C-alpha atoms as a PDB file:
ATOM      1  CA  UNK A   1     -76.588 -57.251 -46.829  1.00  0.00           C
ATOM      2  CA  UNK A   2     -76.408 -57.923 -43.094  1.00  0.00           C
ATOM      3  CA  UNK A   3     -79.325 -57.853 -40.645  1.00  0.00           C
ATOM      4  CA  UNK A   4     -78.593 -54.385 -39.315  1.00  0.00           C
ATOM      5  CA  UNK A   5     -78.544 -52.869 -42.806  1.00  0.00           C
ATOM      6  CA  UNK A   6     -81.927 -54.497 -43.595  1.00  0.00           C
ATOM      7  CA  UNK A   7     -83.502 -52.997 -40.472  1.00  0.00           C
ATOM      8  CA  UNK A   8     -82.093 -49.552 -41.258  1.00  0.00           C
ATOM      9  CA  UNK A   9     -83.459 -49.741 -44.839  1.00  0.00           C
ATOM     10  CA  UNK A  10     -86.882 -50.807 -43.556  1.00  0.00           C
ATOM     11  CA  UNK A  11     -86.928 -47.983 -41.014  1.00  0.00           C
ATOM     12  CA  UNK A  12     -85.999 -45.358 -43.602  1.00  0.00           C
ATOM     13  CA  UNK A  13     -88.617 -46.650 -46.036  1.00  0.00           C
ATOM     14  CA  UNK A  14     -91.316 -46.262 -43.404  1.00  0.00           C
ATOM     15  CA  UNK A  15     -90.300 -42.730 -42.340  1.00  0.00           C
ATOM     16  CA  UNK A  16     -93.014 -40.128 -43.038  1.00  0.00           C
ATOM     17  CA  UNK A  17     -92.666 -37.646 -45.872  1.00  0.00           C
ATOM     18  CA  UNK A  18     -94.389 -34.918 -43.842  1.00  0.00           C
ATOM     19  CA  UNK A  19     -95.217 -32.592 -46.745  1.00  0.00           C
ATOM     20  CA  UNK A  20     -97.486 -35.133 -48.487  1.00  0.00           C
ATOM     21  CA  UNK A  21     -99.000 -37.015 -45.519  1.00  0.00           C
ATOM     22  CA  UNK A  22    -102.756 -36.496 -45.315  1.00  0.00           C
ATOM     23  CA  UNK A  23    -103.384 -38.769 -42.339  1.00  0.00           C
ATOM     24  CA  UNK A  24    -101.490 -41.002 -39.925  1.00  0.00           C
ATOM     25  CA  UNK A  25    -102.686 -44.060 -38.037  1.00  0.00           C
ATOM     26  CA  UNK A  26    -100.850 -45.668 -35.134  1.00  0.00           C
ATOM     27  CA  UNK A  27    -102.154 -49.105 -34.170  1.00  0.00           C
ATOM     28  CA  UNK A  28    -101.798 -51.882 -31.650  1.00  0.00           C
ATOM     29  CA  UNK A  29    -103.208 -55.246 -32.724  1.00  0.00           C
ATOM     30  CA  UNK A  30    -103.306 -58.872 -31.663  1.00  0.00           C
ATOM     31  CA  UNK A  31    -103.350 -61.738 -34.134  1.00  0.00           C
ATOM     32  CA  UNK A  32    -104.086 -65.422 -34.195  1.00  0.00           C
ATOM     33  CA  UNK A  33    -103.276 -67.660 -37.094  1.00  0.00           C
ATOM     34  CA  UNK A  34    -101.856 -70.676 -38.815  1.00  0.00           C
ATOM     35  CA  UNK A  35     -98.091 -71.059 -39.001  1.00  0.00           C
ATOM     36  CA  UNK A  36     -96.029 -73.438 -41.138  1.00  0.00           C
ATOM     37  CA  UNK A  37     -92.306 -73.959 -40.832  1.00  0.00           C
ATOM     38  CA  UNK A  38     -90.196 -76.669 -42.483  1.00  0.00           C
ATOM     39  CA  UNK A  39     -93.437 -78.172 -43.884  1.00  0.00           C
ATOM     40  CA  UNK A  40     -94.855 -78.661 -40.353  1.00  0.00           C
ATOM     41  CA  UNK A  41     -98.065 -76.854 -39.326  1.00  0.00           C
ATOM     42  CA  UNK A  42     -98.690 -75.079 -36.029  1.00  0.00           C
ATOM     43  CA  UNK A  43    -100.290 -72.003 -34.492  1.00  0.00           C
ATOM     44  CA  UNK A  44     -99.229 -68.415 -33.968  1.00  0.00           C
ATOM     45  CA  UNK A  45    -100.305 -65.698 -31.533  1.00  0.00           C
ATOM     46  CA  UNK A  46     -98.945 -62.218 -32.205  1.00  0.00           C
ATOM     47  CA  UNK A  47     -98.766 -58.605 -31.068  1.00  0.00           C
ATOM     48  CA  UNK A  48     -98.296 -55.877 -33.699  1.00  0.00           C
ATOM     49  CA  UNK A  49     -97.366 -52.230 -33.132  1.00  0.00           C
ATOM     50  CA  UNK A  50     -97.178 -50.012 -36.168  1.00  0.00           C
ATOM     51  CA  UNK A  51     -98.050 -46.898 -38.056  1.00  0.00           C
ATOM     52  CA  UNK A  52     -99.406 -46.047 -41.478  1.00  0.00           C
ATOM     53  CA  UNK A  53     -98.865 -42.812 -43.359  1.00  0.00           C
ATOM     54  CA  UNK A  54    -101.752 -42.094 -45.704  1.00  0.00           C
ATOM     55  CA  UNK A  55    -100.829 -39.824 -48.611  1.00  0.00           C
ATOM     56  CA  UNK A  56    -102.878 -38.004 -51.252  1.00  0.00           C
ATOM     57  CA  UNK A  57    -105.062 -40.327 -53.369  1.00  0.00           C
ATOM     58  CA  UNK A  58    -104.940 -42.981 -50.640  1.00  0.00           C
ATOM     59  CA  UNK A  59    -101.381 -44.227 -51.163  1.00  0.00           C
ATOM     60  CA  UNK A  60    -100.206 -45.872 -47.937  1.00  0.00           C
ATOM     61  CA  UNK A  61     -96.727 -46.544 -46.500  1.00  0.00           C
ATOM     62  CA  UNK A  62     -96.139 -47.888 -43.016  1.00  0.00           C
ATOM     63  CA  UNK A  63     -93.855 -49.598 -40.587  1.00  0.00           C
ATOM     64  CA  UNK A  64     -94.600 -52.320 -38.054  1.00  0.00           C
ATOM     65  CA  UNK A  65     -92.934 -54.403 -35.366  1.00  0.00           C
ATOM     66  CA  UNK A  66     -94.339 -57.854 -34.640  1.00  0.00           C
ATOM     67  CA  UNK A  67     -93.744 -60.340 -31.817  1.00  0.00           C
ATOM     68  CA  UNK A  68     -95.306 -63.806 -32.147  1.00  0.00           C
ATOM     69  CA  UNK A  69     -95.410 -66.811 -29.839  1.00  0.00           C
ATOM     70  CA  UNK A  70     -95.422 -70.040 -31.852  1.00  0.00           C
ATOM     71  CA  UNK A  71     -96.770 -73.498 -31.060  1.00  0.00           C
ATOM     72  CA  UNK A  72     -95.848 -76.311 -33.428  1.00  0.00           C
ATOM     73  CA  UNK A  73     -96.187 -79.845 -32.057  1.00  0.00           C
ATOM     74  CA  UNK A  74     -95.688 -81.368 -35.533  1.00  0.00           C
ATOM     75  CA  UNK A  75     -92.268 -79.694 -35.823  1.00  0.00           C
ATOM     76  CA  UNK A  76     -91.282 -80.967 -32.372  1.00  0.00           C
ATOM     77  CA  UNK A  77     -92.284 -84.552 -33.244  1.00  0.00           C
ATOM     78  CA  UNK A  78     -90.524 -84.568 -36.611  1.00  0.00           C
ATOM     79  CA  UNK A  79     -87.308 -82.972 -35.369  1.00  0.00           C
ATOM     80  CA  UNK A  80     -86.755 -85.067 -32.209  1.00  0.00           C
ATOM     81  CA  UNK A  81     -87.798 -82.536 -29.592  1.00  0.00           C
ATOM     82  CA  UNK A  82     -86.616 -79.324 -31.261  1.00  0.00           C
ATOM     83  CA  UNK A  83     -89.168 -76.575 -30.627  1.00  0.00           C
ATOM     84  CA  UNK A  84     -90.153 -73.311 -32.232  1.00  0.00           C
ATOM     85  CA  UNK A  85     -90.362 -70.588 -29.609  1.00  0.00           C
ATOM     86  CA  UNK A  86     -91.093 -67.109 -30.961  1.00  0.00           C
ATOM     87  CA  UNK A  87     -90.483 -64.833 -33.919  1.00  0.00           C
ATOM     88  CA  UNK A  88     -89.676 -61.149 -34.237  1.00  0.00           C
ATOM     89  CA  UNK A  89     -90.359 -59.209 -37.415  1.00  0.00           C
ATOM     90  CA  UNK A  90     -90.121 -55.720 -38.881  1.00  0.00           C
ATOM     91  CA  UNK A  91     -92.570 -55.117 -41.744  1.00  0.00           C
ATOM     92  CA  UNK A  92     -93.172 -52.315 -44.235  1.00  0.00           C
ATOM     93  CA  UNK A  93     -96.714 -52.358 -45.673  1.00  0.00           C
ATOM     94  CA  UNK A  94     -97.152 -50.501 -48.970  1.00  0.00           C
ATOM     95  CA  UNK A  95    -100.605 -50.138 -50.500  1.00  0.00           C
ATOM     96  CA  UNK A  96    -103.781 -48.165 -51.004  1.00  0.00           C
ATOM     97  CA  UNK A  97    -106.523 -46.948 -48.664  1.00  0.00           C
ATOM     98  CA  UNK A  98    -110.073 -46.983 -49.997  1.00  0.00           C
ATOM     99  CA  UNK A  99    -112.304 -44.593 -48.077  1.00  0.00           C
ATOM    100  CA  UNK A 100    -115.814 -45.900 -47.349  1.00  0.00           C
ATOM    101  CA  UNK A 101    -117.157 -42.725 -45.778  1.00  0.00           C
ATOM    102  CA  UNK A 102    -116.955 -41.370 -42.270  1.00  0.00           C
ATOM    103  CA  UNK A 103    -114.070 -42.966 -40.391  1.00  0.00           C
ATOM    104  CA  UNK A 104    -114.376 -46.280 -42.262  1.00  0.00           C
ATOM    105  CA  UNK A 105    -111.817 -47.474 -44.812  1.00  0.00           C
ATOM    106  CA  UNK A 106    -110.262 -50.568 -46.356  1.00  0.00           C
ATOM    107  CA  UNK A 107    -106.475 -50.871 -46.662  1.00  0.00           C
ATOM    108  CA  UNK A 108    -105.114 -53.289 -49.280  1.00  0.00           C
ATOM    109  CA  UNK A 109    -101.361 -53.745 -49.207  1.00  0.00           C
ATOM    110  CA  UNK A 110     -98.313 -55.799 -49.969  1.00  0.00           C
ATOM    111  CA  UNK A 111     -95.542 -55.969 -47.442  1.00  0.00           C
ATOM    112  CA  UNK A 112     -91.869 -56.670 -47.198  1.00  0.00           C
ATOM    113  CA  UNK A 113     -89.963 -57.249 -44.014  1.00  0.00           C
ATOM    114  CA  UNK A 114     -87.359 -59.123 -42.076  1.00  0.00           C
ATOM    115  CA  UNK A 115     -88.098 -61.993 -39.697  1.00  0.00           C
ATOM    116  CA  UNK A 116     -86.126 -63.813 -37.016  1.00  0.00           C
ATOM    117  CA  UNK A 117     -87.358 -67.140 -35.619  1.00  0.00           C
ATOM    118  CA  UNK A 118     -85.966 -68.871 -32.515  1.00  0.00           C
ATOM    119  CA  UNK A 119     -85.714 -72.681 -32.550  1.00  0.00           C
ATOM    120  CA  UNK A 120     -84.353 -74.512 -29.519  1.00  0.00           C
ATOM    121  CA  UNK A 121     -83.769 -77.928 -27.944  1.00  0.00           C
ATOM    122  CA  UNK A 122     -82.608 -79.081 -24.536  1.00  0.00           C
ATOM    123  CA  UNK A 123     -78.983 -78.546 -25.545  1.00  0.00           C
ATOM    124  CA  UNK A 124     -78.921 -75.704 -28.093  1.00  0.00           C
ATOM    125  CA  UNK A 125     -80.683 -72.629 -29.456  1.00  0.00           C
ATOM    126  CA  UNK A 126     -80.645 -71.289 -33.010  1.00  0.00           C
ATOM    127  CA  UNK A 127     -81.990 -68.195 -34.805  1.00  0.00           C
ATOM    128  CA  UNK A 128     -83.177 -68.384 -38.371  1.00  0.00           C
ATOM    129  CA  UNK A 129     -83.377 -65.032 -40.157  1.00  0.00           C
ATOM    130  CA  UNK A 130     -84.520 -63.823 -43.539  1.00  0.00           C
ATOM    131  CA  UNK A 131     -86.600 -61.615 -45.742  1.00  0.00           C
ATOM    132  CA  UNK A 132     -90.382 -62.057 -45.675  1.00  0.00           C
ATOM    133  CA  UNK A 133     -93.077 -60.785 -48.005  1.00  0.00           C
ATOM    134  CA  UNK A 134     -96.825 -60.990 -48.179  1.00  0.00           C
ATOM    135  CA  UNK A 135    -100.150 -59.244 -48.622  1.00  0.00           C
ATOM    136  CA  UNK A 136    -103.055 -58.209 -46.478  1.00  0.00           C
ATOM    137  CA  UNK A 137    -106.307 -56.347 -46.192  1.00  0.00           C
ATOM    138  CA  UNK A 138    -107.458 -54.334 -43.162  1.00  0.00           C
ATOM    139  CA  UNK A 139    -110.913 -52.982 -42.427  1.00  0.00           C
ATOM    140  CA  UNK A 140    -110.749 -49.750 -40.422  1.00  0.00           C
ATOM    141  CA  UNK A 141    -113.964 -49.001 -38.554  1.00  0.00           C
ATOM    142  CA  UNK A 142    -113.808 -45.864 -36.425  1.00  0.00           C
ATOM    143  CA  UNK A 143    -110.924 -46.669 -34.070  1.00  0.00           C
ATOM    144  CA  UNK A 144    -110.983 -50.437 -34.593  1.00  0.00           C
ATOM    145  CA  UNK A 145    -109.077 -52.557 -37.085  1.00  0.00           C
ATOM    146  CA  UNK A 146    -109.842 -56.047 -38.427  1.00  0.00           C
ATOM    147  CA  UNK A 147    -107.376 -57.580 -40.858  1.00  0.00           C
ATOM    148  CA  UNK A 148    -106.367 -60.708 -42.724  1.00  0.00           C
ATOM    149  CA  UNK A 149    -102.717 -61.208 -43.695  1.00  0.00           C
ATOM    150  CA  UNK A 150    -100.550 -63.808 -45.450  1.00  0.00           C
ATOM    151  CA  UNK A 151     -96.750 -63.772 -45.161  1.00  0.00           C
ATOM    152  CA  UNK A 152     -94.017 -66.055 -46.411  1.00  0.00           C
ATOM    153  CA  UNK A 153     -90.275 -65.949 -45.987  1.00  0.00           C
ATOM    154  CA  UNK A 154     -87.036 -67.810 -46.556  1.00  0.00           C
ATOM    155  CA  UNK A 155     -85.244 -68.188 -43.231  1.00  0.00           C
ATOM    156  CA  UNK A 156     -81.705 -69.467 -42.913  1.00  0.00           C
ATOM    157  CA  UNK A 157     -78.963 -69.985 -40.375  1.00  0.00           C
ATOM    158  CA  UNK A 158     -75.384 -71.189 -40.399  1.00  0.00           C
ATOM    159  CA  UNK A 159     -76.170 -74.405 -38.516  1.00  0.00           C
ATOM    160  CA  UNK A 160     -79.534 -75.790 -39.676  1.00  0.00           C
ATOM    161  CA  UNK A 161     -79.886 -74.591 -43.274  1.00  0.00           C
ATOM    162  CA  UNK A 162     -82.712 -72.845 -45.147  1.00  0.00           C
ATOM    163  CA  UNK A 163     -86.432 -73.248 -44.465  1.00  0.00           C
ATOM    164  CA  UNK A 164     -89.667 -71.622 -45.606  1.00  0.00           C
ATOM    165  CA  UNK A 165     -91.996 -69.986 -43.105  1.00  0.00           C
ATOM    166  CA  UNK A 166     -95.660 -69.299 -43.995  1.00  0.00           C
ATOM    167  CA  UNK A 167     -98.294 -67.513 -41.895  1.00  0.00           C
ATOM    168  CA  UNK A 168    -101.990 -66.735 -42.299  1.00  0.00           C
ATOM    169  CA  UNK A 169    -103.269 -64.419 -39.558  1.00  0.00           C
ATOM    170  CA  UNK A 170    -106.450 -62.690 -38.418  1.00  0.00           C
ATOM    171  CA  UNK A 171    -105.762 -59.348 -36.710  1.00  0.00           C
ATOM    172  CA  UNK A 172    -107.908 -57.382 -34.292  1.00  0.00           C
ATOM    173  CA  UNK A 173    -106.694 -54.031 -33.093  1.00  0.00           C
ATOM    174  CA  UNK A 174    -107.180 -50.455 -31.995  1.00  0.00           C
ATOM    175  CA  UNK A 175    -105.950 -47.530 -34.060  1.00  0.00           C
ATOM    176  CA  UNK A 176    -105.100 -44.019 -32.987  1.00  0.00           C
ATOM    177  CA  UNK A 177    -105.643 -41.429 -35.710  1.00  0.00           C
ATOM    178  CA  UNK A 178    -103.193 -38.532 -35.664  1.00  0.00           C
END
């Protein structure tokens, strides 16, 4: 399945089923975390924009776009000056919301998505793409969101081969309840 088909499938999976939606959240969050690529550790700073549809009994289905700036000095040293630049991802979180009373809730979810990572050197640039998966938990407190998320994916390209990407991120954000 090509990249475009994956993005279309992810978008359709995250579309709201209006008849059963009890609540909707739209959120904008920033994240900071640990990033590992090709067995070399670095850092990651991200921006997330997404939405969650909350159905009866707390079932949750969402969609999210993520942009992350990556710093990985270990990768650059090991691979003779090649650098990781940024990654783009589309994620679909699927899980359960546990209401705590008032406007407070905990969201526990798994996620599946598609990620694209840019690696470059002085003479060339390459994109590594692939499916990612993971899990997370978000605390929703009034209009604020605090979350912890782990993702992993197999990224590949025609030129440099297959590599594993792993991320552990702390998210802080603002949510708009619709």
